[in-house]
């Protein structure tokens, strides 16, 4: 068994975005998955990007936003929805709602997302 104390959960952030690293290579021995809880303020976004060798599943728990997809396409994403991105799928998110947007992301195999954020605490 592996227990992760709340004090060992690192928060990575960019303006308007906080990514809580619930289970990642820095606090877990898991070699199969990374789990993050991501919070976006109203108007904040995560730009379109890809992951070459990992898939992601996002579960929206609060708010309404827009998925930013390939070819400048978008799709509504709201609390209760689940989306899966295969390796190399273009994805991002814009919180165009009127409240904080929160989703949980499961990434396999794991990624250390420190490279994508400016601040760490």
C-alpha atoms as a PDB file:
ATOM      1  CA  UNK A   1       0.000   0.000   0.000  1.00  0.00           C
ATOM      2  CA  UNK A   2       1.071   3.543  -0.651  1.00  0.00           C
ATOM      3  CA  UNK A   3      -0.431   6.500   1.260  1.00  0.00           C
ATOM      4  CA  UNK A   4       0.093  10.070   0.090  1.00  0.00           C
ATOM      5  CA  UNK A   5      -0.304  12.673   2.796  1.00  0.00           C
ATOM      6  CA  UNK A   6      -1.934  15.936   1.730  1.00  0.00           C
ATOM      7  CA  UNK A   7       1.276  17.802   2.662  1.00  0.00           C
ATOM      8  CA  UNK A   8       3.075  15.816  -0.058  1.00  0.00           C
ATOM      9  CA  UNK A   9       0.744  16.990  -2.825  1.00  0.00           C
ATOM     10  CA  UNK A  10       2.605  19.566  -4.898  1.00  0.00           C
ATOM     11  CA  UNK A  11       0.739  22.382  -6.617  1.00  0.00           C
ATOM     12  CA  UNK A  12       2.035  23.526  -9.981  1.00  0.00           C
ATOM     13  CA  UNK A  13       0.648  26.756 -11.384  1.00  0.00           C
ATOM     14  CA  UNK A  14       0.474  29.131 -14.301  1.00  0.00           C
ATOM     15  CA  UNK A  15      -1.612  32.316 -14.290  1.00  0.00           C
ATOM     16  CA  UNK A  16      -5.203  31.268 -13.573  1.00  0.00           C
ATOM     17  CA  UNK A  17      -4.389  27.532 -13.460  1.00  0.00           C
ATOM     18  CA  UNK A  18      -3.451  25.333 -10.486  1.00  0.00           C
ATOM     19  CA  UNK A  19      -2.595  21.668 -11.022  1.00  0.00           C
ATOM     20  CA  UNK A  20      -2.551  19.594  -7.836  1.00  0.00           C
ATOM     21  CA  UNK A  21      -0.236  16.609  -8.387  1.00  0.00           C
ATOM     22  CA  UNK A  22      -2.214  13.989  -6.449  1.00  0.00           C
ATOM     23  CA  UNK A  23      -0.159  11.039  -7.677  1.00  0.00           C
ATOM     24  CA  UNK A  24       2.969  11.614  -9.720  1.00  0.00           C
ATOM     25  CA  UNK A  25       6.549  10.390 -10.101  1.00  0.00           C
ATOM     26  CA  UNK A  26       7.718  12.715  -7.299  1.00  0.00           C
ATOM     27  CA  UNK A  27       5.369  11.434  -4.573  1.00  0.00           C
ATOM     28  CA  UNK A  28       4.608   7.886  -5.717  1.00  0.00           C
ATOM     29  CA  UNK A  29       6.268   4.730  -6.884  1.00  0.00           C
ATOM     30  CA  UNK A  30       3.563   4.206  -9.496  1.00  0.00           C
ATOM     31  CA  UNK A  31       4.981   3.474 -12.906  1.00  0.00           C
ATOM     32  CA  UNK A  32       1.567   3.289 -14.567  1.00  0.00           C
ATOM     33  CA  UNK A  33      -0.384   6.480 -13.886  1.00  0.00           C
ATOM     34  CA  UNK A  34      -0.325  10.162 -12.914  1.00  0.00           C
ATOM     35  CA  UNK A  35      -3.429  11.725 -11.335  1.00  0.00           C
ATOM     36  CA  UNK A  36      -3.909  15.481 -11.158  1.00  0.00           C
ATOM     37  CA  UNK A  37      -6.698  17.795 -10.033  1.00  0.00           C
ATOM     38  CA  UNK A  38      -6.729  20.914 -12.204  1.00  0.00           C
ATOM     39  CA  UNK A  39      -8.426  24.217 -11.319  1.00  0.00           C
ATOM     40  CA  UNK A  40      -8.965  26.978 -13.894  1.00  0.00           C
ATOM     41  CA  UNK A  41     -10.193  30.446 -12.946  1.00  0.00           C
ATOM     42  CA  UNK A  42     -12.850  32.068 -15.121  1.00  0.00           C
ATOM     43  CA  UNK A  43     -11.199  33.052 -18.425  1.00  0.00           C
ATOM     44  CA  UNK A  44      -8.084  30.932 -17.843  1.00  0.00           C
ATOM     45  CA  UNK A  45      -6.879  28.378 -20.353  1.00  0.00           C
ATOM     46  CA  UNK A  46      -4.472  25.568 -20.964  1.00  0.00           C
ATOM     47  CA  UNK A  47      -3.172  25.942 -24.518  1.00  0.00           C
ATOM     48  CA  UNK A  48      -3.476  23.201 -27.109  1.00  0.00           C
ATOM     49  CA  UNK A  49      -0.744  20.581 -26.745  1.00  0.00           C
ATOM     50  CA  UNK A  50      -0.054  16.870 -27.206  1.00  0.00           C
ATOM     51  CA  UNK A  51       1.629  14.037 -25.324  1.00  0.00           C
ATOM     52  CA  UNK A  52       3.677  11.794 -27.582  1.00  0.00           C
ATOM     53  CA  UNK A  53       3.533   8.617 -25.531  1.00  0.00           C
ATOM     54  CA  UNK A  54       0.742   8.992 -22.943  1.00  0.00           C
ATOM     55  CA  UNK A  55      -3.020   8.985 -23.049  1.00  0.00           C
ATOM     56  CA  UNK A  56      -5.160  11.113 -20.736  1.00  0.00           C
ATOM     57  CA  UNK A  57      -8.656  10.824 -19.351  1.00  0.00           C
ATOM     58  CA  UNK A  58     -10.275  13.978 -17.981  1.00  0.00           C
ATOM     59  CA  UNK A  59     -13.300  13.944 -15.669  1.00  0.00           C
ATOM     60  CA  UNK A  60     -14.940  17.361 -15.213  1.00  0.00           C
ATOM     61  CA  UNK A  61     -16.154  17.859 -11.633  1.00  0.00           C
ATOM     62  CA  UNK A  62     -17.130  21.555 -11.603  1.00  0.00           C
ATOM     63  CA  UNK A  63     -18.043  24.212 -14.154  1.00  0.00           C
ATOM     64  CA  UNK A  64     -18.381  24.538 -17.901  1.00  0.00           C
ATOM     65  CA  UNK A  65     -15.615  25.070 -20.421  1.00  0.00           C
ATOM     66  CA  UNK A  66     -14.467  24.397 -23.950  1.00  0.00           C
ATOM     67  CA  UNK A  67     -12.098  21.679 -25.042  1.00  0.00           C
ATOM     68  CA  UNK A  68      -9.523  23.097 -27.453  1.00  0.00           C
ATOM     69  CA  UNK A  69      -8.991  20.467 -30.134  1.00  0.00           C
ATOM     70  CA  UNK A  70      -7.062  20.022 -33.398  1.00  0.00           C
ATOM     71  CA  UNK A  71      -7.788  22.265 -36.391  1.00  0.00           C
ATOM     72  CA  UNK A  72      -9.095  25.068 -34.128  1.00  0.00           C
ATOM     73  CA  UNK A  73     -12.132  22.990 -33.201  1.00  0.00           C
ATOM     74  CA  UNK A  74     -13.788  23.243 -29.779  1.00  0.00           C
ATOM     75  CA  UNK A  75     -16.300  21.149 -27.840  1.00  0.00           C
ATOM     76  CA  UNK A  76     -18.295  21.962 -24.716  1.00  0.00           C
ATOM     77  CA  UNK A  77     -16.985  20.186 -21.604  1.00  0.00           C
ATOM     78  CA  UNK A  78     -18.993  20.396 -18.389  1.00  0.00           C
ATOM     79  CA  UNK A  79     -19.216  18.857 -14.922  1.00  0.00           C
ATOM     80  CA  UNK A  80     -20.005  15.147 -15.217  1.00  0.00           C
ATOM     81  CA  UNK A  81     -18.423  14.742 -18.672  1.00  0.00           C
ATOM     82  CA  UNK A  82     -15.459  12.450 -19.372  1.00  0.00           C
ATOM     83  CA  UNK A  83     -13.076  12.728 -22.328  1.00  0.00           C
ATOM     84  CA  UNK A  84     -10.156  10.524 -23.366  1.00  0.00           C
ATOM     85  CA  UNK A  85      -7.233  11.729 -25.440  1.00  0.00           C
ATOM     86  CA  UNK A  86      -5.075   9.124 -27.165  1.00  0.00           C
ATOM     87  CA  UNK A  87      -1.321   9.600 -27.657  1.00  0.00           C
ATOM     88  CA  UNK A  88      -0.669  12.648 -29.863  1.00  0.00           C
ATOM     89  CA  UNK A  89      -4.285  13.944 -29.711  1.00  0.00           C
ATOM     90  CA  UNK A  90      -4.336  17.733 -29.640  1.00  0.00           C
ATOM     91  CA  UNK A  91      -6.084  18.994 -26.501  1.00  0.00           C
ATOM     92  CA  UNK A  92      -6.401  22.013 -24.251  1.00  0.00           C
ATOM     93  CA  UNK A  93      -9.088  23.772 -22.236  1.00  0.00           C
ATOM     94  CA  UNK A  94     -10.654  27.222 -21.924  1.00  0.00           C
ATOM     95  CA  UNK A  95     -12.797  28.117 -18.935  1.00  0.00           C
ATOM     96  CA  UNK A  96     -15.388  30.274 -20.665  1.00  0.00           C
ATOM     97  CA  UNK A  97     -17.954  29.686 -17.910  1.00  0.00           C
ATOM     98  CA  UNK A  98     -18.874  31.936 -15.010  1.00  0.00           C
ATOM     99  CA  UNK A  99     -17.324  29.866 -12.202  1.00  0.00           C
ATOM    100  CA  UNK A 100     -14.111  27.974 -11.482  1.00  0.00           C
ATOM    101  CA  UNK A 101     -13.640  24.892 -13.687  1.00  0.00           C
ATOM    102  CA  UNK A 102     -12.202  21.738 -12.072  1.00  0.00           C
ATOM    103  CA  UNK A 103     -11.295  18.412 -13.624  1.00  0.00           C
ATOM    104  CA  UNK A 104      -9.376  15.305 -12.607  1.00  0.00           C
ATOM    105  CA  UNK A 105      -6.840  13.992 -15.101  1.00  0.00           C
ATOM    106  CA  UNK A 106      -5.481  10.452 -15.272  1.00  0.00           C
ATOM    107  CA  UNK A 107      -2.376  10.057 -17.448  1.00  0.00           C
ATOM    108  CA  UNK A 108      -0.812   6.734 -18.440  1.00  0.00           C
ATOM    109  CA  UNK A 109       2.036   6.109 -18.529  1.00  0.00           C
ATOM    110  CA  UNK A 110       2.881   8.794 -15.957  1.00  0.00           C
ATOM    111  CA  UNK A 111       4.238  12.215 -16.805  1.00  0.00           C
ATOM    112  CA  UNK A 112       5.994  14.661 -14.498  1.00  0.00           C
ATOM    113  CA  UNK A 113       4.181  17.874 -15.483  1.00  0.00           C
ATOM    114  CA  UNK A 114       6.670  20.243 -13.846  1.00  0.00           C
ATOM    115  CA  UNK A 115       7.970  21.268 -17.282  1.00  0.00           C
ATOM    116  CA  UNK A 116       4.593  22.817 -18.193  1.00  0.00           C
ATOM    117  CA  UNK A 117       4.186  25.142 -15.204  1.00  0.00           C
ATOM    118  CA  UNK A 118       6.010  28.252 -14.033  1.00  0.00           C
ATOM    119  CA  UNK A 119       5.484  27.930 -10.282  1.00  0.00           C
ATOM    120  CA  UNK A 120       5.700  25.038  -7.823  1.00  0.00           C
ATOM    121  CA  UNK A 121       4.722  24.910  -4.156  1.00  0.00           C
END
